[in-house]
Amino acid sequence: MKTILLKGHVREDAGTASANQLRDNGMVPCVLYGSGAHVIFSVYSDDFKNLVYTPNTYLVKLDIDGTEYKAVMQDLQFHPVNDSILHVDFLAIDESKPVTLAVPTLVKGNSPGVRSGGRLAIKLKKVRVKAMLNDLPDSVEVDISGLELGKSIKVENVSIPNVELLEASNVAIVTVEATRATRQAANDAAAAGK
């Protein structure tokens, strides 16, 4: 799994006034919890660009005043008007226990259904997985090379060694849907055959 480093500073005060003052100075208030850790800290808002504004999921290596933690981003709050980051929660990882995380779906191959006029619809952009830290995948790869028009690949059709997919087994990850043009062409062909 890809790792990203964030450097933070321990916060002295945990109140709303101090959080607003941090935001005014270009910082984002954060909290790290889980696995016996509870640290209130802040990180420069520009440092979040590579972590937040990407389709990828990262393991976060937090350096908080010299103390290092492994974590994942658990929750993120945005300002309702200007979309700036208001607050971030991190979950500390215990390497001896399985980690639950949502990883992106990566589609590979060329579908015959798309080549014949269908539209590829990615129904699950992220898939929740559970695995040990060393086994966590960067993404869930779905091969659509044999996917025909009107067919789909479901969670039950995908398997990754040492990784448990937490979505319901009958949920479609990707599907090739018929477009209006392909349905019209099929209707015209059926009418011409009569």
N, C-alpha and C. Protein backbone atom coordinates (compact mmCIF):
# COMPACT_ATOMS: atom_id res chain seq x y z
N MET A 1 0.84 -1.18 0.00
CA MET A 1 0.00 0.00 0.00
C MET A 1 0.88 1.24 0.00
N LYS A 2 0.46 2.26 -0.72
CA LYS A 2 1.22 3.51 -0.79
C LYS A 2 1.19 4.23 0.55
N THR A 3 2.31 4.87 0.87
CA THR A 3 2.43 5.59 2.13
C THR A 3 2.74 7.05 1.86
N ILE A 4 2.18 7.92 2.68
CA ILE A 4 2.43 9.35 2.58
C ILE A 4 2.82 9.86 3.96
N LEU A 5 3.75 10.80 4.02
CA LEU A 5 4.24 11.35 5.29
C LEU A 5 3.59 12.70 5.55
N LEU A 6 3.07 12.87 6.76
CA LEU A 6 2.54 14.16 7.21
C LEU A 6 3.25 14.55 8.50
N LYS A 7 3.69 15.80 8.57
CA LYS A 7 4.34 16.30 9.78
C LYS A 7 3.36 17.20 10.51
N GLY A 8 3.19 16.95 11.80
CA GLY A 8 2.25 17.73 12.60
C GLY A 8 2.88 18.21 13.88
N HIS A 9 2.14 19.07 14.57
CA HIS A 9 2.57 19.63 15.85
C HIS A 9 1.45 19.44 16.87
N VAL A 10 1.83 19.02 18.07
CA VAL A 10 0.85 18.80 19.13
C VAL A 10 0.16 20.12 19.47
N ARG A 11 -1.16 20.06 19.64
CA ARG A 11 -1.94 21.25 20.01
C ARG A 11 -2.01 21.35 21.52
N GLU A 12 -1.87 22.58 21.99
CA GLU A 12 -1.97 22.83 23.44
C GLU A 12 -3.43 22.85 23.88
N ASP A 13 -4.26 23.58 23.13
CA ASP A 13 -5.67 23.74 23.47
C ASP A 13 -6.53 22.96 22.49
N ALA A 14 -7.64 22.43 22.99
CA ALA A 14 -8.52 21.64 22.14
C ALA A 14 -9.86 22.31 21.89
N GLY A 15 -9.98 23.58 22.18
CA GLY A 15 -11.26 24.26 22.04
C GLY A 15 -11.53 24.81 20.65
N THR A 16 -12.74 25.31 20.47
CA THR A 16 -13.16 25.87 19.20
C THR A 16 -12.37 27.12 18.84
N ALA A 17 -12.11 27.97 19.82
CA ALA A 17 -11.38 29.21 19.56
C ALA A 17 -9.97 28.92 19.06
N SER A 18 -9.30 27.95 19.68
CA SER A 18 -7.94 27.63 19.24
C SER A 18 -7.96 26.95 17.87
N ALA A 19 -8.99 26.15 17.58
CA ALA A 19 -9.11 25.51 16.27
C ALA A 19 -9.33 26.56 15.19
N ASN A 20 -10.17 27.56 15.46
CA ASN A 20 -10.39 28.64 14.50
C ASN A 20 -9.12 29.45 14.27
N GLN A 21 -8.35 29.66 15.33
CA GLN A 21 -7.09 30.40 15.20
C GLN A 21 -6.10 29.60 14.34
N LEU A 22 -6.07 28.28 14.52
CA LEU A 22 -5.21 27.44 13.69
C LEU A 22 -5.60 27.55 12.22
N ARG A 23 -6.90 27.50 11.95
CA ARG A 23 -7.37 27.59 10.56
C ARG A 23 -7.00 28.93 9.95
N ASP A 24 -7.08 30.01 10.74
CA ASP A 24 -6.70 31.33 10.25
C ASP A 24 -5.22 31.39 9.89
N ASN A 25 -4.40 30.54 10.53
CA ASN A 25 -2.96 30.50 10.28
C ASN A 25 -2.57 29.43 9.26
N GLY A 26 -3.55 28.88 8.53
CA GLY A 26 -3.26 27.90 7.49
C GLY A 26 -3.04 26.48 7.99
N MET A 27 -3.51 26.18 9.19
CA MET A 27 -3.36 24.85 9.77
C MET A 27 -4.72 24.15 9.82
N VAL A 28 -4.69 22.84 9.92
CA VAL A 28 -5.91 22.05 10.05
C VAL A 28 -5.84 21.30 11.38
N PRO A 29 -6.84 21.46 12.26
CA PRO A 29 -6.87 20.69 13.50
C PRO A 29 -7.15 19.22 13.20
N CYS A 30 -6.41 18.34 13.87
CA CYS A 30 -6.53 16.90 13.64
C CYS A 30 -6.55 16.17 14.97
N VAL A 31 -7.03 14.93 14.91
CA VAL A 31 -6.98 14.07 16.09
C VAL A 31 -6.59 12.67 15.62
N LEU A 32 -5.75 12.01 16.41
CA LEU A 32 -5.35 10.63 16.17
C LEU A 32 -5.87 9.79 17.32
N TYR A 33 -6.61 8.72 17.00
CA TYR A 33 -7.14 7.87 18.05
C TYR A 33 -7.05 6.41 17.62
N GLY A 34 -7.26 5.52 18.57
CA GLY A 34 -7.21 4.09 18.30
C GLY A 34 -5.89 3.49 18.72
N SER A 35 -5.88 2.20 19.01
CA SER A 35 -4.69 1.45 19.43
C SER A 35 -3.99 2.11 20.60
N GLY A 36 -4.76 2.65 21.53
CA GLY A 36 -4.20 3.26 22.73
C GLY A 36 -3.68 4.67 22.54
N ALA A 37 -3.79 5.21 21.35
CA ALA A 37 -3.29 6.57 21.10
C ALA A 37 -4.45 7.56 21.12
N HIS A 38 -4.19 8.74 21.64
CA HIS A 38 -5.12 9.86 21.55
C HIS A 38 -4.28 11.13 21.55
N VAL A 39 -4.07 11.66 20.36
CA VAL A 39 -3.21 12.83 20.19
C VAL A 39 -3.99 13.90 19.44
N ILE A 40 -3.99 15.11 19.98
CA ILE A 40 -4.61 16.25 19.32
C ILE A 40 -3.47 17.06 18.73
N PHE A 41 -3.52 17.27 17.41
CA PHE A 41 -2.40 17.94 16.73
C PHE A 41 -2.91 18.75 15.55
N SER A 42 -2.00 19.43 14.87
CA SER A 42 -2.37 20.22 13.69
C SER A 42 -1.34 20.00 12.59
N VAL A 43 -1.80 20.14 11.34
CA VAL A 43 -0.96 19.96 10.16
C VAL A 43 -1.25 21.13 9.22
N TYR A 44 -0.24 21.59 8.48
CA TYR A 44 -0.46 22.65 7.50
C TYR A 44 -1.44 22.16 6.44
N SER A 45 -2.38 23.00 6.06
CA SER A 45 -3.44 22.59 5.14
C SER A 45 -2.89 22.20 3.77
N ASP A 46 -1.81 22.82 3.31
CA ASP A 46 -1.24 22.47 2.01
C ASP A 46 -0.69 21.04 1.98
N ASP A 47 -0.34 20.50 3.14
CA ASP A 47 0.21 19.14 3.20
C ASP A 47 -0.84 18.08 2.90
N PHE A 48 -2.12 18.44 2.93
CA PHE A 48 -3.19 17.47 2.69
C PHE A 48 -3.52 17.31 1.21
N LYS A 49 -2.99 18.15 0.34
CA LYS A 49 -3.37 18.11 -1.08
C LYS A 49 -3.14 16.74 -1.71
N ASN A 50 -1.99 16.12 -1.44
CA ASN A 50 -1.69 14.82 -2.05
C ASN A 50 -2.44 13.68 -1.38
N LEU A 51 -3.00 13.91 -0.22
CA LEU A 51 -3.73 12.87 0.50
C LEU A 51 -5.23 12.92 0.23
N VAL A 52 -5.78 14.12 0.18
CA VAL A 52 -7.23 14.28 0.08
C VAL A 52 -7.71 14.35 -1.36
N TYR A 53 -7.06 15.15 -2.19
CA TYR A 53 -7.55 15.40 -3.54
C TYR A 53 -6.96 14.39 -4.53
N THR A 54 -7.20 13.11 -4.29
CA THR A 54 -6.70 12.03 -5.12
C THR A 54 -7.67 10.85 -5.02
N PRO A 55 -7.77 10.05 -6.05
CA PRO A 55 -8.62 8.86 -5.94
C PRO A 55 -7.97 7.73 -5.15
N ASN A 56 -6.68 7.85 -4.87
CA ASN A 56 -5.94 6.79 -4.18
C ASN A 56 -6.20 6.80 -2.69
N THR A 57 -5.95 5.66 -2.07
CA THR A 57 -6.02 5.53 -0.62
C THR A 57 -4.61 5.31 -0.11
N TYR A 58 -4.23 6.02 0.92
CA TYR A 58 -2.87 5.96 1.44
C TYR A 58 -2.84 5.52 2.89
N LEU A 59 -1.74 4.86 3.25
CA LEU A 59 -1.37 4.66 4.63
C LEU A 59 -0.62 5.92 5.02
N VAL A 60 -0.96 6.53 6.14
CA VAL A 60 -0.36 7.80 6.53
C VAL A 60 0.66 7.55 7.63
N LYS A 61 1.86 8.04 7.39
CA LYS A 61 2.91 8.00 8.41
C LYS A 61 2.94 9.39 9.04
N LEU A 62 2.46 9.48 10.27
CA LEU A 62 2.38 10.76 10.97
C LEU A 62 3.63 10.99 11.80
N ASP A 63 4.26 12.14 11.61
CA ASP A 63 5.40 12.55 12.43
C ASP A 63 4.91 13.74 13.25
N ILE A 64 4.54 13.47 14.51
CA ILE A 64 4.00 14.52 15.37
C ILE A 64 5.05 14.89 16.40
N ASP A 65 5.72 16.00 16.14
CA ASP A 65 6.81 16.48 17.01
C ASP A 65 7.82 15.38 17.32
N GLY A 66 8.20 14.62 16.29
CA GLY A 66 9.24 13.60 16.45
C GLY A 66 8.74 12.21 16.76
N THR A 67 7.49 12.05 17.15
CA THR A 67 6.92 10.73 17.43
C THR A 67 6.17 10.25 16.19
N GLU A 68 6.47 9.02 15.74
CA GLU A 68 5.86 8.51 14.52
C GLU A 68 4.72 7.54 14.82
N TYR A 69 3.67 7.65 14.01
CA TYR A 69 2.51 6.78 14.10
C TYR A 69 2.14 6.34 12.69
N LYS A 70 1.61 5.11 12.56
CA LYS A 70 1.02 4.66 11.30
C LYS A 70 -0.48 4.79 11.47
N ALA A 71 -1.13 5.37 10.47
CA ALA A 71 -2.57 5.62 10.58
C ALA A 71 -3.22 5.65 9.20
N VAL A 72 -4.54 5.69 9.21
CA VAL A 72 -5.33 5.92 8.00
C VAL A 72 -6.28 7.08 8.29
N MET A 73 -6.62 7.81 7.24
CA MET A 73 -7.56 8.92 7.41
C MET A 73 -8.95 8.32 7.61
N GLN A 74 -9.55 8.61 8.74
CA GLN A 74 -10.84 8.03 9.10
C GLN A 74 -12.01 8.94 8.72
N ASP A 75 -11.87 10.24 8.97
CA ASP A 75 -12.96 11.17 8.71
C ASP A 75 -12.38 12.51 8.30
N LEU A 76 -13.15 13.24 7.51
CA LEU A 76 -12.69 14.51 6.96
C LEU A 76 -13.89 15.45 6.89
N GLN A 77 -13.72 16.67 7.37
CA GLN A 77 -14.81 17.65 7.33
C GLN A 77 -14.37 18.85 6.49
N PHE A 78 -15.25 19.27 5.58
CA PHE A 78 -14.99 20.43 4.73
C PHE A 78 -15.89 21.58 5.14
N HIS A 79 -15.42 22.81 4.87
CA HIS A 79 -16.23 24.00 5.07
C HIS A 79 -17.36 23.96 4.04
N PRO A 80 -18.60 24.27 4.42
CA PRO A 80 -19.72 24.14 3.48
C PRO A 80 -19.71 25.14 2.33
N VAL A 81 -18.99 26.25 2.48
CA VAL A 81 -19.01 27.27 1.43
C VAL A 81 -17.74 27.25 0.58
N ASN A 82 -16.58 27.30 1.23
CA ASN A 82 -15.35 27.43 0.45
C ASN A 82 -14.57 26.12 0.29
N ASP A 83 -15.11 25.01 0.77
CA ASP A 83 -14.51 23.67 0.62
C ASP A 83 -13.12 23.52 1.21
N SER A 84 -12.73 24.40 2.14
CA SER A 84 -11.46 24.20 2.82
C SER A 84 -11.63 23.09 3.86
N ILE A 85 -10.54 22.44 4.21
CA ILE A 85 -10.59 21.34 5.18
C ILE A 85 -10.71 21.92 6.58
N LEU A 86 -11.74 21.51 7.31
CA LEU A 86 -11.97 22.00 8.67
C LEU A 86 -11.33 21.12 9.73
N HIS A 87 -11.39 19.80 9.54
CA HIS A 87 -10.92 18.89 10.58
C HIS A 87 -10.66 17.52 9.96
N VAL A 88 -9.65 16.82 10.48
CA VAL A 88 -9.33 15.47 10.00
C VAL A 88 -9.15 14.55 11.20
N ASP A 89 -9.77 13.37 11.12
CA ASP A 89 -9.59 12.32 12.13
C ASP A 89 -8.72 11.22 11.52
N PHE A 90 -7.73 10.77 12.27
CA PHE A 90 -6.88 9.66 11.85
C PHE A 90 -7.09 8.50 12.81
N LEU A 91 -7.04 7.29 12.28
CA LEU A 91 -7.16 6.08 13.08
C LEU A 91 -5.79 5.40 13.11
N ALA A 92 -5.22 5.27 14.31
CA ALA A 92 -3.92 4.61 14.46
C ALA A 92 -4.07 3.13 14.14
N ILE A 93 -3.05 2.57 13.52
CA ILE A 93 -3.10 1.18 13.09
C ILE A 93 -2.25 0.31 13.99
N ASP A 94 -2.84 -0.79 14.43
CA ASP A 94 -2.11 -1.82 15.16
C ASP A 94 -1.74 -2.88 14.12
N GLU A 95 -0.44 -3.06 13.87
CA GLU A 95 0.01 -3.95 12.81
C GLU A 95 -0.32 -5.42 13.07
N SER A 96 -0.69 -5.76 14.30
CA SER A 96 -1.03 -7.16 14.60
C SER A 96 -2.50 -7.47 14.37
N LYS A 97 -3.29 -6.45 14.00
CA LYS A 97 -4.72 -6.65 13.78
C LYS A 97 -5.08 -6.27 12.34
N PRO A 98 -6.14 -6.89 11.79
CA PRO A 98 -6.56 -6.53 10.44
C PRO A 98 -7.07 -5.08 10.38
N VAL A 99 -6.88 -4.47 9.20
CA VAL A 99 -7.28 -3.09 8.97
C VAL A 99 -8.44 -3.09 7.98
N THR A 100 -9.46 -2.28 8.26
CA THR A 100 -10.58 -2.10 7.35
C THR A 100 -10.42 -0.76 6.65
N LEU A 101 -10.50 -0.78 5.32
CA LEU A 101 -10.21 0.41 4.53
C LEU A 101 -10.99 0.36 3.22
N ALA A 102 -11.33 1.52 2.67
CA ALA A 102 -11.96 1.59 1.35
C ALA A 102 -10.88 1.90 0.33
N VAL A 103 -10.70 1.01 -0.65
CA VAL A 103 -9.69 1.21 -1.69
C VAL A 103 -10.37 1.40 -3.03
N PRO A 104 -9.74 2.14 -3.95
CA PRO A 104 -10.38 2.44 -5.23
C PRO A 104 -10.48 1.21 -6.15
N THR A 105 -11.46 1.25 -7.04
CA THR A 105 -11.63 0.22 -8.05
C THR A 105 -10.81 0.61 -9.27
N LEU A 106 -10.04 -0.34 -9.80
CA LEU A 106 -9.22 -0.10 -10.99
C LEU A 106 -9.70 -1.05 -12.08
N VAL A 107 -10.19 -0.49 -13.18
CA VAL A 107 -10.73 -1.28 -14.28
C VAL A 107 -9.63 -1.52 -15.30
N LYS A 108 -9.46 -2.80 -15.70
CA LYS A 108 -8.45 -3.17 -16.69
C LYS A 108 -9.11 -3.91 -17.84
N GLY A 109 -8.56 -3.73 -19.03
CA GLY A 109 -9.02 -4.45 -20.20
C GLY A 109 -10.02 -3.66 -21.03
N ASN A 110 -10.40 -4.25 -22.18
CA ASN A 110 -11.38 -3.66 -23.09
C ASN A 110 -12.58 -4.59 -23.17
N SER A 111 -13.74 -4.07 -22.88
CA SER A 111 -14.95 -4.86 -22.86
C SER A 111 -15.56 -4.98 -24.26
N PRO A 112 -15.92 -6.20 -24.68
CA PRO A 112 -16.62 -6.35 -25.96
C PRO A 112 -17.98 -5.64 -25.94
N GLY A 113 -18.61 -5.56 -24.78
CA GLY A 113 -19.89 -4.86 -24.67
C GLY A 113 -19.76 -3.37 -24.91
N VAL A 114 -18.65 -2.78 -24.49
CA VAL A 114 -18.41 -1.35 -24.74
C VAL A 114 -18.09 -1.15 -26.21
N ARG A 115 -17.31 -2.06 -26.80
CA ARG A 115 -16.96 -1.94 -28.22
C ARG A 115 -18.20 -2.05 -29.11
N SER A 116 -19.23 -2.76 -28.64
CA SER A 116 -20.44 -2.89 -29.45
C SER A 116 -21.47 -1.81 -29.13
N GLY A 117 -21.05 -0.77 -28.41
CA GLY A 117 -21.93 0.38 -28.20
C GLY A 117 -22.45 0.58 -26.80
N GLY A 118 -22.11 -0.30 -25.88
CA GLY A 118 -22.57 -0.15 -24.49
C GLY A 118 -21.77 0.90 -23.74
N ARG A 119 -22.25 1.22 -22.55
CA ARG A 119 -21.57 2.21 -21.70
C ARG A 119 -21.11 1.52 -20.43
N LEU A 120 -19.82 1.68 -20.11
CA LEU A 120 -19.27 1.09 -18.89
C LEU A 120 -19.66 1.96 -17.71
N ALA A 121 -20.30 1.36 -16.72
CA ALA A 121 -20.70 2.09 -15.51
C ALA A 121 -20.00 1.46 -14.32
N ILE A 122 -19.19 2.28 -13.63
CA ILE A 122 -18.52 1.81 -12.42
C ILE A 122 -19.47 2.09 -11.27
N LYS A 123 -20.06 1.04 -10.71
CA LYS A 123 -21.05 1.18 -9.65
C LYS A 123 -20.42 1.38 -8.28
N LEU A 124 -19.26 0.77 -8.05
CA LEU A 124 -18.52 0.94 -6.79
C LEU A 124 -17.17 1.56 -7.11
N LYS A 125 -17.03 2.83 -6.84
CA LYS A 125 -15.74 3.50 -7.08
C LYS A 125 -14.71 3.10 -6.03
N LYS A 126 -15.18 2.78 -4.82
CA LYS A 126 -14.30 2.29 -3.76
C LYS A 126 -14.93 1.05 -3.15
N VAL A 127 -14.09 0.09 -2.80
CA VAL A 127 -14.54 -1.17 -2.22
C VAL A 127 -13.92 -1.29 -0.83
N ARG A 128 -14.75 -1.59 0.16
CA ARG A 128 -14.24 -1.78 1.52
C ARG A 128 -13.59 -3.15 1.62
N VAL A 129 -12.34 -3.16 2.12
CA VAL A 129 -11.59 -4.40 2.28
C VAL A 129 -11.09 -4.51 3.72
N LYS A 130 -10.77 -5.74 4.10
CA LYS A 130 -10.21 -5.99 5.43
C LYS A 130 -9.04 -6.95 5.25
N ALA A 131 -7.86 -6.53 5.76
CA ALA A 131 -6.66 -7.35 5.62
C ALA A 131 -5.61 -6.88 6.61
N MET A 132 -4.59 -7.70 6.77
CA MET A 132 -3.45 -7.28 7.57
C MET A 132 -2.74 -6.16 6.81
N LEU A 133 -2.03 -5.32 7.52
CA LEU A 133 -1.40 -4.14 6.93
C LEU A 133 -0.53 -4.48 5.73
N ASN A 134 0.25 -5.55 5.81
CA ASN A 134 1.15 -5.90 4.70
C ASN A 134 0.41 -6.45 3.49
N ASP A 135 -0.83 -6.90 3.66
CA ASP A 135 -1.60 -7.48 2.56
C ASP A 135 -2.58 -6.50 1.92
N LEU A 136 -2.69 -5.28 2.46
CA LEU A 136 -3.65 -4.32 1.91
C LEU A 136 -3.30 -3.95 0.48
N PRO A 137 -4.25 -4.07 -0.45
CA PRO A 137 -3.97 -3.70 -1.84
C PRO A 137 -4.10 -2.19 -2.05
N ASP A 138 -3.42 -1.68 -3.09
CA ASP A 138 -3.57 -0.28 -3.46
C ASP A 138 -4.93 -0.04 -4.10
N SER A 139 -5.44 -1.07 -4.79
CA SER A 139 -6.74 -0.96 -5.45
C SER A 139 -7.32 -2.36 -5.65
N VAL A 140 -8.59 -2.41 -5.99
CA VAL A 140 -9.24 -3.67 -6.36
C VAL A 140 -9.32 -3.67 -7.88
N GLU A 141 -8.55 -4.57 -8.51
CA GLU A 141 -8.50 -4.63 -9.97
C GLU A 141 -9.62 -5.51 -10.50
N VAL A 142 -10.33 -4.97 -11.49
CA VAL A 142 -11.43 -5.69 -12.12
C VAL A 142 -11.13 -5.79 -13.61
N ASP A 143 -11.02 -7.02 -14.13
CA ASP A 143 -10.73 -7.24 -15.55
C ASP A 143 -12.05 -7.35 -16.30
N ILE A 144 -12.27 -6.43 -17.24
CA ILE A 144 -13.53 -6.40 -17.98
C ILE A 144 -13.39 -6.97 -19.39
N SER A 145 -12.31 -7.70 -19.66
CA SER A 145 -12.04 -8.21 -21.02
C SER A 145 -13.16 -9.10 -21.56
N GLY A 146 -13.90 -9.79 -20.71
CA GLY A 146 -14.97 -10.66 -21.18
C GLY A 146 -16.36 -10.13 -20.89
N LEU A 147 -16.48 -8.86 -20.54
CA LEU A 147 -17.76 -8.31 -20.10
C LEU A 147 -18.62 -7.89 -21.29
N GLU A 148 -19.73 -8.60 -21.48
CA GLU A 148 -20.63 -8.34 -22.60
C GLU A 148 -21.69 -7.30 -22.22
N LEU A 149 -22.42 -6.84 -23.21
CA LEU A 149 -23.49 -5.86 -23.03
C LEU A 149 -24.56 -6.42 -22.10
N GLY A 150 -24.94 -5.64 -21.08
CA GLY A 150 -25.96 -6.05 -20.13
C GLY A 150 -25.45 -6.92 -18.99
N LYS A 151 -24.19 -7.22 -18.97
CA LYS A 151 -23.60 -8.07 -17.93
C LYS A 151 -22.85 -7.21 -16.92
N SER A 152 -22.55 -7.80 -15.77
CA SER A 152 -21.83 -7.07 -14.73
C SER A 152 -20.85 -7.99 -14.01
N ILE A 153 -19.89 -7.38 -13.34
CA ILE A 153 -18.96 -8.11 -12.47
C ILE A 153 -19.32 -7.72 -11.05
N LYS A 154 -19.62 -8.74 -10.25
CA LYS A 154 -20.05 -8.50 -8.87
C LYS A 154 -18.90 -8.76 -7.90
N VAL A 155 -19.12 -8.38 -6.67
CA VAL A 155 -18.10 -8.56 -5.63
C VAL A 155 -17.73 -10.04 -5.51
N GLU A 156 -18.71 -10.93 -5.65
CA GLU A 156 -18.43 -12.37 -5.53
C GLU A 156 -17.52 -12.89 -6.63
N ASN A 157 -17.39 -12.16 -7.75
CA ASN A 157 -16.53 -12.57 -8.86
C ASN A 157 -15.08 -12.13 -8.71
N VAL A 158 -14.78 -11.35 -7.67
CA VAL A 158 -13.43 -10.82 -7.47
C VAL A 158 -12.83 -11.45 -6.22
N SER A 159 -11.60 -11.90 -6.33
CA SER A 159 -10.92 -12.41 -5.14
C SER A 159 -9.48 -11.90 -5.13
N ILE A 160 -9.03 -11.54 -3.94
CA ILE A 160 -7.67 -11.06 -3.73
C ILE A 160 -7.10 -11.91 -2.60
N PRO A 161 -5.91 -12.49 -2.79
CA PRO A 161 -5.34 -13.34 -1.73
C PRO A 161 -5.16 -12.58 -0.42
N ASN A 162 -5.54 -13.20 0.68
CA ASN A 162 -5.39 -12.67 2.05
C ASN A 162 -6.19 -11.40 2.30
N VAL A 163 -7.17 -11.10 1.45
CA VAL A 163 -7.98 -9.89 1.60
C VAL A 163 -9.46 -10.29 1.59
N GLU A 164 -10.21 -9.76 2.55
CA GLU A 164 -11.65 -10.00 2.62
C GLU A 164 -12.37 -8.77 2.08
N LEU A 165 -13.25 -8.98 1.09
CA LEU A 165 -14.06 -7.88 0.56
C LEU A 165 -15.30 -7.76 1.43
N LEU A 166 -15.55 -6.57 1.97
CA LEU A 166 -16.62 -6.38 2.94
C LEU A 166 -17.96 -5.97 2.33
N GLU A 167 -17.99 -5.71 1.05
CA GLU A 167 -19.25 -5.36 0.39
C GLU A 167 -20.09 -6.63 0.23
N ALA A 168 -21.40 -6.46 0.09
CA ALA A 168 -22.29 -7.61 -0.13
C ALA A 168 -21.90 -8.31 -1.42
N SER A 169 -21.95 -9.64 -1.42
CA SER A 169 -21.44 -10.41 -2.56
C SER A 169 -22.23 -10.20 -3.84
N ASN A 170 -23.49 -9.80 -3.75
CA ASN A 170 -24.30 -9.61 -4.95
C ASN A 170 -24.27 -8.18 -5.50
N VAL A 171 -23.44 -7.32 -4.94
CA VAL A 171 -23.34 -5.93 -5.39
C VAL A 171 -22.46 -5.87 -6.64
N ALA A 172 -22.94 -5.19 -7.67
CA ALA A 172 -22.17 -5.04 -8.91
C ALA A 172 -21.08 -3.99 -8.72
N ILE A 173 -19.87 -4.32 -9.17
CA ILE A 173 -18.76 -3.36 -9.14
C ILE A 173 -18.77 -2.56 -10.43
N VAL A 174 -18.81 -3.27 -11.58
CA VAL A 174 -18.92 -2.61 -12.89
C VAL A 174 -19.98 -3.34 -13.70
N THR A 175 -20.59 -2.61 -14.61
CA THR A 175 -21.58 -3.20 -15.51
C THR A 175 -21.51 -2.48 -16.85
N VAL A 176 -21.88 -3.19 -17.92
CA VAL A 176 -21.97 -2.57 -19.24
C VAL A 176 -23.45 -2.40 -19.54
N GLU A 177 -23.87 -1.14 -19.60
CA GLU A 177 -25.28 -0.83 -19.80
C GLU A 177 -25.54 -0.51 -21.27
N ALA A 178 -26.73 -0.88 -21.71
CA ALA A 178 -27.14 -0.55 -23.08
C ALA A 178 -27.51 0.93 -23.14
N THR A 179 -27.02 1.61 -24.15
CA THR A 179 -27.37 3.02 -24.34
C THR A 179 -28.67 3.09 -25.14
N ARG A 180 -29.23 4.28 -25.22
CA ARG A 180 -30.45 4.47 -25.99
C ARG A 180 -30.23 4.09 -27.46
N ALA A 181 -29.07 4.43 -27.98
CA ALA A 181 -28.76 4.14 -29.38
C ALA A 181 -28.68 2.63 -29.63
N THR A 182 -28.07 1.88 -28.71
CA THR A 182 -27.98 0.42 -28.91
C THR A 182 -29.35 -0.24 -28.75
N ARG A 183 -30.19 0.26 -27.84
CA ARG A 183 -31.54 -0.28 -27.70
C ARG A 183 -32.37 0.01 -28.95
N GLN A 184 -32.23 1.22 -29.51
CA GLN A 184 -32.96 1.59 -30.72
C GLN A 184 -32.50 0.73 -31.89
N ALA A 185 -31.19 0.49 -31.99
CA ALA A 185 -30.67 -0.34 -33.08
C ALA A 185 -31.19 -1.77 -32.95
N ALA A 186 -31.28 -2.29 -31.74
CA ALA A 186 -31.81 -3.64 -31.52
C ALA A 186 -33.30 -3.70 -31.88
N ASN A 187 -34.05 -2.66 -31.52
CA ASN A 187 -35.48 -2.61 -31.87
C ASN A 187 -35.67 -2.52 -33.38
N ASP A 188 -34.84 -1.70 -34.04
CA ASP A 188 -34.93 -1.57 -35.50
C ASP A 188 -34.60 -2.89 -36.19
N ALA A 189 -33.58 -3.59 -35.67
CA ALA A 189 -33.19 -4.87 -36.26
C ALA A 189 -34.30 -5.90 -36.06
N ALA A 190 -34.95 -5.88 -34.90
CA ALA A 190 -36.05 -6.81 -34.63
C ALA A 190 -37.24 -6.50 -35.53
N ALA A 191 -37.52 -5.20 -35.76
CA ALA A 191 -38.64 -4.81 -36.61
C ALA A 191 -38.36 -5.17 -38.07
N ALA A 192 -37.11 -5.04 -38.50
CA ALA A 192 -36.74 -5.36 -39.88
C ALA A 192 -36.81 -6.87 -40.13
N GLY A 193 -36.61 -7.66 -39.09
CA GLY A 193 -36.63 -9.11 -39.21
C GLY A 193 -38.03 -9.68 -39.32
N LYS A 194 -39.06 -8.91 -39.01
CA LYS A 194 -40.44 -9.41 -39.05
C LYS A 194 -40.99 -9.48 -40.42
